[in-house]
Amino acid sequence: MSKISQQVMASVAVIYAARKASGPTALKLYTLMLSIWGIGKLVWVSKVFENFLVAGKSGMTALSNYLLVALEHAHISVQLTLAVFIIAGVWLLLDLARAAAPRSARFAA
């Protein structure tokens, strides 16, 4: 392989990688990861899980009440970060479901 063809192929590889890394699904994944990082910075996650397990021992009603009160009393930045996490996660799952669907089902949608 000549030097020119190696350079051209390297350029093609870089362009292909950049397109994949900046595609819509990749951006949703980056948003999801960034929101997970943000929640980890804003919330003491181990305490949330500890309280979740304690409330879970009291039954489903206590657990749902805990979740509602915890979200209601959380800072607005935590609520917004959690909303971004949920939206990006659902959107990413929809993309993955579309990608996993058979070819004939993709054209019907």
PDB file of N, CA and C in Angstrom:
ATOM      1  N   MET A   1       0.851  -1.170   0.000  1.00  0.00           N
ATOM      2  CA  MET A   1       0.000   0.000   0.000  1.00  0.00           C
ATOM      3  C   MET A   1       0.901   1.239   0.000  1.00  0.00           C
ATOM      4  N   SER A   2       0.584   2.174  -0.866  1.00  0.00           N
ATOM      5  CA  SER A   2       1.421   3.369  -0.993  1.00  0.00           C
ATOM      6  C   SER A   2       1.147   4.346   0.159  1.00  0.00           C
ATOM      7  N   LYS A   3       2.026   5.295   0.292  1.00  0.00           N
ATOM      8  CA  LYS A   3       1.919   6.292   1.358  1.00  0.00           C
ATOM      9  C   LYS A   3       0.640   7.118   1.197  1.00  0.00           C
ATOM     10  N   ILE A   4       0.285   7.463  -0.016  1.00  0.00           N
ATOM     11  CA  ILE A   4      -0.921   8.257  -0.268  1.00  0.00           C
ATOM     12  C   ILE A   4      -2.168   7.469   0.137  1.00  0.00           C
ATOM     13  N   SER A   5      -2.230   6.182  -0.228  1.00  0.00           N
ATOM     14  CA  SER A   5      -3.417   5.406   0.145  1.00  0.00           C
ATOM     15  C   SER A   5      -3.503   5.223   1.648  1.00  0.00           C
ATOM     16  N   GLN A   6      -2.380   5.128   2.331  1.00  0.00           N
ATOM     17  CA  GLN A   6      -2.409   5.029   3.791  1.00  0.00           C
ATOM     18  C   GLN A   6      -2.957   6.313   4.398  1.00  0.00           C
ATOM     19  N   GLN A   7      -2.542   7.458   3.879  1.00  0.00           N
ATOM     20  CA  GLN A   7      -3.022   8.740   4.388  1.00  0.00           C
ATOM     21  C   GLN A   7      -4.515   8.907   4.122  1.00  0.00           C
ATOM     22  N   VAL A   8      -4.944   8.514   2.937  1.00  0.00           N
ATOM     23  CA  VAL A   8      -6.366   8.619   2.600  1.00  0.00           C
ATOM     24  C   VAL A   8      -7.185   7.714   3.511  1.00  0.00           C
ATOM     25  N   MET A   9      -6.743   6.487   3.707  1.00  0.00           N
ATOM     26  CA  MET A   9      -7.476   5.555   4.563  1.00  0.00           C
ATOM     27  C   MET A   9      -7.497   6.037   6.016  1.00  0.00           C
ATOM     28  N   ALA A  10      -6.400   6.639   6.471  1.00  0.00           N
ATOM     29  CA  ALA A  10      -6.367   7.186   7.821  1.00  0.00           C
ATOM     30  C   ALA A  10      -7.366   8.332   7.956  1.00  0.00           C
ATOM     31  N   SER A  11      -7.454   9.176   6.940  1.00  0.00           N
ATOM     32  CA  SER A  11      -8.418  10.278   6.955  1.00  0.00           C
ATOM     33  C   SER A  11      -9.854   9.756   6.956  1.00  0.00           C
ATOM     34  N   VAL A  12     -10.097   8.724   6.169  1.00  0.00           N
ATOM     35  CA  VAL A  12     -11.431   8.124   6.135  1.00  0.00           C
ATOM     36  C   VAL A  12     -11.787   7.551   7.505  1.00  0.00           C
ATOM     37  N   ALA A  13     -10.830   6.904   8.148  1.00  0.00           N
ATOM     38  CA  ALA A  13     -11.072   6.328   9.471  1.00  0.00           C
ATOM     39  C   ALA A  13     -11.375   7.409  10.500  1.00  0.00           C
ATOM     40  N   VAL A  14     -10.657   8.515  10.431  1.00  0.00           N
ATOM     41  CA  VAL A  14     -10.895   9.617  11.367  1.00  0.00           C
ATOM     42  C   VAL A  14     -12.285  10.221  11.149  1.00  0.00           C
ATOM     43  N   ILE A  15     -12.663  10.421   9.921  1.00  0.00           N
ATOM     44  CA  ILE A  15     -13.978  10.984   9.611  1.00  0.00           C
ATOM     45  C   ILE A  15     -15.085  10.033  10.056  1.00  0.00           C
ATOM     46  N   TYR A  16     -14.910   8.753   9.809  1.00  0.00           N
ATOM     47  CA  TYR A  16     -15.899   7.756  10.226  1.00  0.00           C
ATOM     48  C   TYR A  16     -16.057   7.753  11.746  1.00  0.00           C
ATOM     49  N   ALA A  17     -14.939   7.771  12.473  1.00  0.00           N
ATOM     50  CA  ALA A  17     -14.986   7.773  13.934  1.00  0.00           C
ATOM     51  C   ALA A  17     -15.643   9.055  14.456  1.00  0.00           C
ATOM     52  N   ALA A  18     -15.337  10.193  13.833  1.00  0.00           N
ATOM     53  CA  ALA A  18     -15.937  11.461  14.266  1.00  0.00           C
ATOM     54  C   ALA A  18     -17.447  11.464  14.036  1.00  0.00           C
ATOM     55  N   ARG A  19     -17.892  10.894  12.913  1.00  0.00           N
ATOM     56  CA  ARG A  19     -19.335  10.821  12.650  1.00  0.00           C
ATOM     57  C   ARG A  19     -20.041   9.943  13.665  1.00  0.00           C
ATOM     58  N   LYS A  20     -19.438   8.796  13.985  1.00  0.00           N
ATOM     59  CA  LYS A  20     -20.028   7.890  14.965  1.00  0.00           C
ATOM     60  C   LYS A  20     -20.044   8.521  16.350  1.00  0.00           C
ATOM     61  N   ALA A  21     -18.981   9.241  16.705  1.00  0.00           N
ATOM     62  CA  ALA A  21     -18.863   9.842  18.037  1.00  0.00           C
ATOM     63  C   ALA A  21     -19.751  11.069  18.207  1.00  0.00           C
ATOM     64  N   SER A  22     -20.225  11.646  17.106  1.00  0.00           N
ATOM     65  CA  SER A  22     -21.072  12.833  17.213  1.00  0.00           C
ATOM     66  C   SER A  22     -22.485  12.579  16.708  1.00  0.00           C
ATOM     67  N   GLY A  23     -22.837  11.330  16.525  1.00  0.00           N
ATOM     68  CA  GLY A  23     -24.187  10.987  16.076  1.00  0.00           C
ATOM     69  C   GLY A  23     -25.211  11.191  17.175  1.00  0.00           C
ATOM     70  N   PRO A  24     -26.490  11.154  16.827  1.00  0.00           N
ATOM     71  CA  PRO A  24     -27.548  11.395  17.805  1.00  0.00           C
ATOM     72  C   PRO A  24     -27.548  10.393  18.960  1.00  0.00           C
ATOM     73  N   THR A  25     -27.331   9.128  18.675  1.00  0.00           N
ATOM     74  CA  THR A  25     -27.330   8.127  19.739  1.00  0.00           C
ATOM     75  C   THR A  25     -26.141   8.339  20.670  1.00  0.00           C
ATOM     76  N   ALA A  26     -24.993   8.671  20.116  1.00  0.00           N
ATOM     77  CA  ALA A  26     -23.815   8.934  20.947  1.00  0.00           C
ATOM     78  C   ALA A  26     -24.036  10.154  21.833  1.00  0.00           C
ATOM     79  N   LEU A  27     -24.663  11.188  21.300  1.00  0.00           N
ATOM     80  CA  LEU A  27     -24.929  12.386  22.102  1.00  0.00           C
ATOM     81  C   LEU A  27     -25.897  12.080  23.243  1.00  0.00           C
ATOM     82  N   LYS A  28     -26.865  11.198  23.001  1.00  0.00           N
ATOM     83  CA  LYS A  28     -27.779  10.784  24.074  1.00  0.00           C
ATOM     84  C   LYS A  28     -27.026  10.013  25.149  1.00  0.00           C
ATOM     85  N   LEU A  29     -26.103   9.169  24.724  1.00  0.00           N
ATOM     86  CA  LEU A  29     -25.288   8.420  25.680  1.00  0.00           C
ATOM     87  C   LEU A  29     -24.408   9.368  26.488  1.00  0.00           C
ATOM     88  N   TYR A  30     -23.811  10.363  25.856  1.00  0.00           N
ATOM     89  CA  TYR A  30     -22.997  11.343  26.578  1.00  0.00           C
ATOM     90  C   TYR A  30     -23.849  12.112  27.586  1.00  0.00           C
ATOM     91  N   THR A  31     -25.065  12.473  27.200  1.00  0.00           N
ATOM     92  CA  THR A  31     -25.965  13.184  28.106  1.00  0.00           C
ATOM     93  C   THR A  31     -26.310  12.311  29.302  1.00  0.00           C
ATOM     94  N   LEU A  32     -26.565  11.044  29.052  1.00  0.00           N
ATOM     95  CA  LEU A  32     -26.881  10.109  30.132  1.00  0.00           C
ATOM     96  C   LEU A  32     -25.703   9.983  31.093  1.00  0.00           C
ATOM     97  N   MET A  33     -24.501   9.825  30.555  1.00  0.00           N
ATOM     98  CA  MET A  33     -23.318   9.688  31.412  1.00  0.00           C
ATOM     99  C   MET A  33     -23.041  10.972  32.192  1.00  0.00           C
ATOM    100  N   LEU A  34     -23.221  12.111  31.556  1.00  0.00           N
ATOM    101  CA  LEU A  34     -23.000  13.385  32.226  1.00  0.00           C
ATOM    102  C   LEU A  34     -24.011  13.604  33.351  1.00  0.00           C
ATOM    103  N   SER A  35     -25.256  13.201  33.136  1.00  0.00           N
ATOM    104  CA  SER A  35     -26.259  13.364  34.185  1.00  0.00           C
ATOM    105  C   SER A  35     -26.003  12.402  35.349  1.00  0.00           C
ATOM    106  N   ILE A  36     -25.505  11.195  35.063  1.00  0.00           N
ATOM    107  CA  ILE A  36     -25.134  10.278  36.149  1.00  0.00           C
ATOM    108  C   ILE A  36     -24.001  10.884  36.970  1.00  0.00           C
ATOM    109  N   TRP A  37     -23.025  11.459  36.289  1.00  0.00           N
ATOM    110  CA  TRP A  37     -21.930  12.112  36.998  1.00  0.00           C
ATOM    111  C   TRP A  37     -22.453  13.282  37.838  1.00  0.00           C
ATOM    112  N   GLY A  38     -23.384  14.054  37.269  1.00  0.00           N
ATOM    113  CA  GLY A  38     -23.949  15.192  37.994  1.00  0.00           C
ATOM    114  C   GLY A  38     -24.720  14.761  39.224  1.00  0.00           C
ATOM    115  N   ILE A  39     -25.491  13.698  39.109  1.00  0.00           N
ATOM    116  CA  ILE A  39     -26.233  13.199  40.271  1.00  0.00           C
ATOM    117  C   ILE A  39     -25.247  12.742  41.343  1.00  0.00           C
ATOM    118  N   GLY A  40     -24.179  12.086  40.925  1.00  0.00           N
ATOM    119  CA  GLY A  40     -23.162  11.643  41.881  1.00  0.00           C
ATOM    120  C   GLY A  40     -22.488  12.804  42.597  1.00  0.00           C
ATOM    121  N   LYS A  41     -22.341  13.922  41.913  1.00  0.00           N
ATOM    122  CA  LYS A  41     -21.742  15.106  42.539  1.00  0.00           C
ATOM    123  C   LYS A  41     -22.730  15.855  43.442  1.00  0.00           C
ATOM    124  N   LEU A  42     -24.010  15.808  43.099  1.00  0.00           N
ATOM    125  CA  LEU A  42     -25.003  16.587  43.828  1.00  0.00           C
ATOM    126  C   LEU A  42     -25.615  15.848  45.024  1.00  0.00           C
ATOM    127  N   VAL A  43     -25.572  14.521  45.000  1.00  0.00           N
ATOM    128  CA  VAL A  43     -26.286  13.729  46.001  1.00  0.00           C
ATOM    129  C   VAL A  43     -25.318  12.753  46.657  1.00  0.00           C
ATOM    130  N   TRP A  44     -25.560  12.498  47.940  1.00  0.00           N
ATOM    131  CA  TRP A  44     -24.809  11.481  48.654  1.00  0.00           C
ATOM    132  C   TRP A  44     -25.491  10.154  48.356  1.00  0.00           C
ATOM    133  N   VAL A  45     -25.065   9.504  47.281  1.00  0.00           N
ATOM    134  CA  VAL A  45     -25.762   8.354  46.710  1.00  0.00           C
ATOM    135  C   VAL A  45     -25.860   7.194  47.698  1.00  0.00           C
ATOM    136  N   SER A  46     -24.819   6.926  48.457  1.00  0.00           N
ATOM    137  CA  SER A  46     -24.863   5.811  49.404  1.00  0.00           C
ATOM    138  C   SER A  46     -25.946   6.018  50.456  1.00  0.00           C
ATOM    139  N   LYS A  47     -26.150   7.250  50.889  1.00  0.00           N
ATOM    140  CA  LYS A  47     -27.215   7.534  51.868  1.00  0.00           C
ATOM    141  C   LYS A  47     -28.601   7.377  51.244  1.00  0.00           C
ATOM    142  N   VAL A  48     -28.725   7.738  49.977  1.00  0.00           N
ATOM    143  CA  VAL A  48     -30.009   7.576  49.291  1.00  0.00           C
ATOM    144  C   VAL A  48     -30.368   6.094  49.228  1.00  0.00           C
ATOM    145  N   PHE A  49     -29.406   5.246  48.845  1.00  0.00           N
ATOM    146  CA  PHE A  49     -29.667   3.808  48.779  1.00  0.00           C
ATOM    147  C   PHE A  49     -29.933   3.220  50.163  1.00  0.00           C
ATOM    148  N   GLU A  50     -29.205   3.699  51.160  1.00  0.00           N
ATOM    149  CA  GLU A  50     -29.419   3.236  52.538  1.00  0.00           C
ATOM    150  C   GLU A  50     -30.839   3.558  52.998  1.00  0.00           C
ATOM    151  N   ASN A  51     -31.287   4.778  52.777  1.00  0.00           N
ATOM    152  CA  ASN A  51     -32.644   5.177  53.147  1.00  0.00           C
ATOM    153  C   ASN A  51     -33.690   4.445  52.314  1.00  0.00           C
ATOM    154  N   PHE A  52     -33.367   4.183  51.058  1.00  0.00           N
ATOM    155  CA  PHE A  52     -34.267   3.451  50.169  1.00  0.00           C
ATOM    156  C   PHE A  52     -34.499   2.039  50.701  1.00  0.00           C
ATOM    157  N   LEU A  53     -33.432   1.378  51.153  1.00  0.00           N
ATOM    158  CA  LEU A  53     -33.564   0.027  51.695  1.00  0.00           C
ATOM    159  C   LEU A  53     -34.349   0.019  53.002  1.00  0.00           C
ATOM    160  N   VAL A  54     -34.130   1.024  53.834  1.00  0.00           N
ATOM    161  CA  VAL A  54     -34.879   1.117  55.094  1.00  0.00           C
ATOM    162  C   VAL A  54     -36.367   1.319  54.801  1.00  0.00           C
ATOM    163  N   ALA A  55     -36.695   2.195  53.867  1.00  0.00           N
ATOM    164  CA  ALA A  55     -38.100   2.437  53.511  1.00  0.00           C
ATOM    165  C   ALA A  55     -38.694   1.213  52.840  1.00  0.00           C
ATOM    166  N   GLY A  56     -37.885   0.467  52.082  1.00  0.00           N
ATOM    167  CA  GLY A  56     -38.372  -0.724  51.393  1.00  0.00           C
ATOM    168  C   GLY A  56     -38.790  -1.824  52.349  1.00  0.00           C
ATOM    169  N   LYS A  57     -38.179  -1.880  53.521  1.00  0.00           N
ATOM    170  CA  LYS A  57     -38.538  -2.889  54.519  1.00  0.00           C
ATOM    171  C   LYS A  57     -39.919  -2.639  55.105  1.00  0.00           C
ATOM    172  N   SER A  58     -40.393  -1.399  55.015  1.00  0.00           N
ATOM    173  CA  SER A  58     -41.702  -1.039  55.589  1.00  0.00           C
ATOM    174  C   SER A  58     -42.847  -1.257  54.611  1.00  0.00           C
ATOM    175  N   GLY A  59     -42.550  -1.656  53.404  1.00  0.00           N
ATOM    176  CA  GLY A  59     -43.606  -1.932  52.432  1.00  0.00           C
ATOM    177  C   GLY A  59     -43.577  -0.981  51.254  1.00  0.00           C
ATOM    178  N   MET A  60     -44.436  -1.313  50.311  1.00  0.00           N
ATOM    179  CA  MET A  60     -44.467  -0.548  49.059  1.00  0.00           C
ATOM    180  C   MET A  60     -45.002   0.869  49.277  1.00  0.00           C
ATOM    181  N   THR A  61     -45.936   1.036  50.176  1.00  0.00           N
ATOM    182  CA  THR A  61     -46.497   2.370  50.437  1.00  0.00           C
ATOM    183  C   THR A  61     -45.438   3.290  51.025  1.00  0.00           C
ATOM    184  N   ALA A  62     -44.673   2.773  51.983  1.00  0.00           N
ATOM    185  CA  ALA A  62     -43.613   3.583  52.592  1.00  0.00           C
ATOM    186  C   ALA A  62     -42.529   3.908  51.564  1.00  0.00           C
ATOM    187  N   LEU A  63     -42.246   2.961  50.686  1.00  0.00           N
ATOM    188  CA  LEU A  63     -41.238   3.176  49.654  1.00  0.00           C
ATOM    189  C   LEU A  63     -41.668   4.255  48.664  1.00  0.00           C
ATOM    190  N   SER A  64     -42.902   4.178  48.203  1.00  0.00           N
ATOM    191  CA  SER A  64     -43.389   5.201  47.279  1.00  0.00           C
ATOM    192  C   SER A  64     -43.464   6.567  47.962  1.00  0.00           C
ATOM    193  N   ASN A  65     -43.844   6.583  49.243  1.00  0.00           N
ATOM    194  CA  ASN A  65     -43.890   7.836  49.999  1.00  0.00           C
ATOM    195  C   ASN A  65     -42.482   8.419  50.142  1.00  0.00           C
ATOM    196  N   TYR A  66     -41.501   7.561  50.419  1.00  0.00           N
ATOM    197  CA  TYR A  66     -40.111   8.012  50.529  1.00  0.00           C
ATOM    198  C   TYR A  66     -39.640   8.647  49.223  1.00  0.00           C
ATOM    199  N   LEU A  67     -39.906   7.969  48.091  1.00  0.00           N
ATOM    200  CA  LEU A  67     -39.483   8.494  46.797  1.00  0.00           C
ATOM    201  C   LEU A  67     -40.131   9.846  46.495  1.00  0.00           C
ATOM    202  N   LEU A  68     -41.423   9.941  46.799  1.00  0.00           N
ATOM    203  CA  LEU A  68     -42.140  11.191  46.540  1.00  0.00           C
ATOM    204  C   LEU A  68     -41.600  12.329  47.396  1.00  0.00           C
ATOM    205  N   VAL A  69     -41.412  12.069  48.679  1.00  0.00           N
ATOM    206  CA  VAL A  69     -40.921  13.114  49.587  1.00  0.00           C
ATOM    207  C   VAL A  69     -39.465  13.471  49.251  1.00  0.00           C
ATOM    208  N   ALA A  70     -38.661  12.471  48.915  1.00  0.00           N
ATOM    209  CA  ALA A  70     -37.251  12.743  48.576  1.00  0.00           C
ATOM    210  C   ALA A  70     -37.161  13.618  47.331  1.00  0.00           C
ATOM    211  N   LEU A  71     -37.957  13.320  46.323  1.00  0.00           N
ATOM    212  CA  LEU A  71     -37.933  14.145  45.112  1.00  0.00           C
ATOM    213  C   LEU A  71     -38.505  15.537  45.361  1.00  0.00           C
ATOM    214  N   GLU A  72     -39.522  15.598  46.182  1.00  0.00           N
ATOM    215  CA  GLU A  72     -40.161  16.883  46.476  1.00  0.00           C
ATOM    216  C   GLU A  72     -39.219  17.813  47.229  1.00  0.00           C
ATOM    217  N   HIS A  73     -38.411  17.262  48.129  1.00  0.00           N
ATOM    218  CA  HIS A  73     -37.526  18.083  48.946  1.00  0.00           C
ATOM    219  C   HIS A  73     -36.110  18.198  48.382  1.00  0.00           C
ATOM    220  N   ALA A  74     -35.856  17.573  47.259  1.00  0.00           N
ATOM    221  CA  ALA A  74     -34.531  17.685  46.641  1.00  0.00           C
ATOM    222  C   ALA A  74     -34.354  19.076  46.043  1.00  0.00           C
ATOM    223  N   HIS A  75     -33.115  19.489  45.959  1.00  0.00           N
ATOM    224  CA  HIS A  75     -32.803  20.784  45.359  1.00  0.00           C
ATOM    225  C   HIS A  75     -33.192  20.752  43.875  1.00  0.00           C
ATOM    226  N   ILE A  76     -33.504  21.911  43.330  1.00  0.00           N
ATOM    227  CA  ILE A  76     -33.967  21.997  41.946  1.00  0.00           C
ATOM    228  C   ILE A  76     -32.910  21.464  40.966  1.00  0.00           C
ATOM    229  N   SER A  77     -31.640  21.656  41.289  1.00  0.00           N
ATOM    230  CA  SER A  77     -30.589  21.147  40.407  1.00  0.00           C
ATOM    231  C   SER A  77     -30.613  19.612  40.353  1.00  0.00           C
ATOM    232  N   VAL A  78     -30.897  18.977  41.481  1.00  0.00           N
ATOM    233  CA  VAL A  78     -31.003  17.515  41.508  1.00  0.00           C
ATOM    234  C   VAL A  78     -32.224  17.066  40.708  1.00  0.00           C
ATOM    235  N   GLN A  79     -33.335  17.764  40.849  1.00  0.00           N
ATOM    236  CA  GLN A  79     -34.554  17.417  40.118  1.00  0.00           C
ATOM    237  C   GLN A  79     -34.346  17.554  38.611  1.00  0.00           C
ATOM    238  N   LEU A  80     -33.707  18.632  38.194  1.00  0.00           N
ATOM    239  CA  LEU A  80     -33.454  18.839  36.766  1.00  0.00           C
ATOM    240  C   LEU A  80     -32.477  17.807  36.212  1.00  0.00           C
ATOM    241  N   THR A  81     -31.435  17.499  36.978  1.00  0.00           N
ATOM    242  CA  THR A  81     -30.471  16.491  36.538  1.00  0.00           C
ATOM    243  C   THR A  81     -31.130  15.126  36.430  1.00  0.00           C
ATOM    244  N   LEU A  82     -31.995  14.800  37.381  1.00  0.00           N
ATOM    245  CA  LEU A  82     -32.720  13.534  37.336  1.00  0.00           C
ATOM    246  C   LEU A  82     -33.677  13.491  36.145  1.00  0.00           C
ATOM    247  N   ALA A  83     -34.320  14.612  35.841  1.00  0.00           N
ATOM    248  CA  ALA A  83     -35.217  14.676  34.686  1.00  0.00           C
ATOM    249  C   ALA A  83     -34.429  14.472  33.384  1.00  0.00           C
ATOM    250  N   VAL A  84     -33.266  15.098  33.272  1.00  0.00           N
ATOM    251  CA  VAL A  84     -32.421  14.921  32.087  1.00  0.00           C
ATOM    252  C   VAL A  84     -31.988  13.463  31.977  1.00  0.00           C
ATOM    253  N   PHE A  85     -31.630  12.851  33.106  1.00  0.00           N
ATOM    254  CA  PHE A  85     -31.227  11.443  33.120  1.00  0.00           C
ATOM    255  C   PHE A  85     -32.353  10.546  32.617  1.00  0.00           C
ATOM    256  N   ILE A  86     -33.557  10.766  33.102  1.00  0.00           N
ATOM    257  CA  ILE A  86     -34.695   9.928  32.713  1.00  0.00           C
ATOM    258  C   ILE A  86     -35.018  10.115  31.232  1.00  0.00           C
ATOM    259  N   ILE A  87     -35.059  11.354  30.777  1.00  0.00           N
ATOM    260  CA  ILE A  87     -35.381  11.624  29.368  1.00  0.00           C
ATOM    261  C   ILE A  87     -34.317  11.026  28.446  1.00  0.00           C
ATOM    262  N   ALA A  88     -33.050  11.244  28.763  1.00  0.00           N
ATOM    263  CA  ALA A  88     -31.970  10.706  27.927  1.00  0.00           C
ATOM    264  C   ALA A  88     -31.975   9.179  27.963  1.00  0.00           C
ATOM    265  N   GLY A  89     -32.264   8.594  29.121  1.00  0.00           N
ATOM    266  CA  GLY A  89     -32.300   7.142  29.227  1.00  0.00           C
ATOM    267  C   GLY A  89     -33.418   6.522  28.412  1.00  0.00           C
ATOM    268  N   VAL A  90     -34.598   7.109  28.487  1.00  0.00           N
ATOM    269  CA  VAL A  90     -35.725   6.591  27.710  1.00  0.00           C
ATOM    270  C   VAL A  90     -35.457   6.758  26.220  1.00  0.00           C
ATOM    271  N   TRP A  91     -34.944   7.915  25.834  1.00  0.00           N
ATOM    272  CA  TRP A  91     -34.641   8.183  24.429  1.00  0.00           C
ATOM    273  C   TRP A  91     -33.589   7.208  23.897  1.00  0.00           C
ATOM    274  N   LEU A  92     -32.575   6.919  24.725  1.00  0.00           N
ATOM    275  CA  LEU A  92     -31.537   5.975  24.323  1.00  0.00           C
ATOM    276  C   LEU A  92     -32.104   4.557  24.206  1.00  0.00           C
ATOM    277  N   LEU A  93     -32.971   4.177  25.135  1.00  0.00           N
ATOM    278  CA  LEU A  93     -33.606   2.857  25.054  1.00  0.00           C
ATOM    279  C   LEU A  93     -34.465   2.732  23.796  1.00  0.00           C
ATOM    280  N   LEU A  94     -35.160   3.795  23.430  1.00  0.00           N
ATOM    281  CA  LEU A  94     -35.946   3.769  22.199  1.00  0.00           C
ATOM    282  C   LEU A  94     -35.049   3.596  20.972  1.00  0.00           C
ATOM    283  N   ASP A  95     -33.907   4.281  20.966  1.00  0.00           N
ATOM    284  CA  ASP A  95     -32.956   4.121  19.866  1.00  0.00           C
ATOM    285  C   ASP A  95     -32.437   2.689  19.794  1.00  0.00           C
ATOM    286  N   LEU A  96     -32.120   2.122  20.947  1.00  0.00           N
ATOM    287  CA  LEU A  96     -31.617   0.750  20.969  1.00  0.00           C
ATOM    288  C   LEU A  96     -32.689  -0.241  20.536  1.00  0.00           C
ATOM    289  N   ALA A  97     -33.932   0.011  20.918  1.00  0.00           N
ATOM    290  CA  ALA A  97     -35.024  -0.873  20.500  1.00  0.00           C
ATOM    291  C   ALA A  97     -35.235  -0.787  18.990  1.00  0.00           C
ATOM    292  N   ARG A  98     -35.139   0.426  18.439  1.00  0.00           N
ATOM    293  CA  ARG A  98     -35.269   0.586  16.989  1.00  0.00           C
ATOM    294  C   ARG A  98     -34.132  -0.124  16.254  1.00  0.00           C
ATOM    295  N   ALA A  99     -32.939  -0.036  16.808  1.00  0.00           N
ATOM    296  CA  ALA A  99     -31.787  -0.665  16.165  1.00  0.00           C
ATOM    297  C   ALA A  99     -31.881  -2.191  16.240  1.00  0.00           C
ATOM    298  N   ALA A 100     -32.492  -2.712  17.298  1.00  0.00           N
ATOM    299  CA  ALA A 100     -32.599  -4.157  17.466  1.00  0.00           C
ATOM    300  C   ALA A 100     -33.787  -4.745  16.716  1.00  0.00           C
ATOM    301  N   ALA A 101     -34.696  -3.902  16.257  1.00  0.00           N
ATOM    302  CA  ALA A 101     -35.884  -4.390  15.550  1.00  0.00           C
ATOM    303  C   ALA A 101     -35.484  -4.970  14.202  1.00  0.00           C
ATOM    304  N   PRO A 102     -36.244  -5.953  13.749  1.00  0.00           N
ATOM    305  CA  PRO A 102     -35.965  -6.504  12.417  1.00  0.00           C
ATOM    306  C   PRO A 102     -36.133  -5.438  11.332  1.00  0.00           C
ATOM    307  N   ARG A 103     -35.463  -5.615  10.221  1.00  0.00           N
ATOM    308  CA  ARG A 103     -35.500  -4.631   9.131  1.00  0.00           C
ATOM    309  C   ARG A 103     -36.915  -4.329   8.670  1.00  0.00           C
ATOM    310  N   SER A 104     -37.758  -5.350   8.563  1.00  0.00           N
ATOM    311  CA  SER A 104     -39.138  -5.134   8.065  1.00  0.00           C
ATOM    312  C   SER A 104     -39.936  -4.281   9.035  1.00  0.00           C
ATOM    313  N   ALA A 105     -39.689  -4.409  10.339  1.00  0.00           N
ATOM    314  CA  ALA A 105     -40.420  -3.622  11.324  1.00  0.00           C
ATOM    315  C   ALA A 105     -39.943  -2.172  11.344  1.00  0.00           C
ATOM    316  N   ARG A 106     -38.705  -1.918  10.974  1.00  0.00           N
ATOM    317  CA  ARG A 106     -38.185  -0.551  10.961  1.00  0.00           C
ATOM    318  C   ARG A 106     -38.871   0.311   9.906  1.00  0.00           C
ATOM    319  N   PHE A 107     -39.211  -0.274   8.769  1.00  0.00           N
ATOM    320  CA  PHE A 107     -39.855   0.510   7.713  1.00  0.00           C
ATOM    321  C   PHE A 107     -41.309   0.824   8.042  1.00  0.00           C
ATOM    322  N   ALA A 108     -41.932   0.024   8.899  1.00  0.00           N
ATOM    323  CA  ALA A 108     -43.332   0.237   9.229  1.00  0.00           C
ATOM    324  C   ALA A 108     -43.515   1.436  10.143  1.00  0.00           C
ATOM    325  N   ALA A 109     -42.523   1.783  10.910  1.00  0.00           N
ATOM    326  CA  ALA A 109     -42.653   2.854  11.897  1.00  0.00           C
ATOM    327  C   ALA A 109     -42.492   4.220  11.306  1.00  0.00           C
TER     328      ALA A 109
END
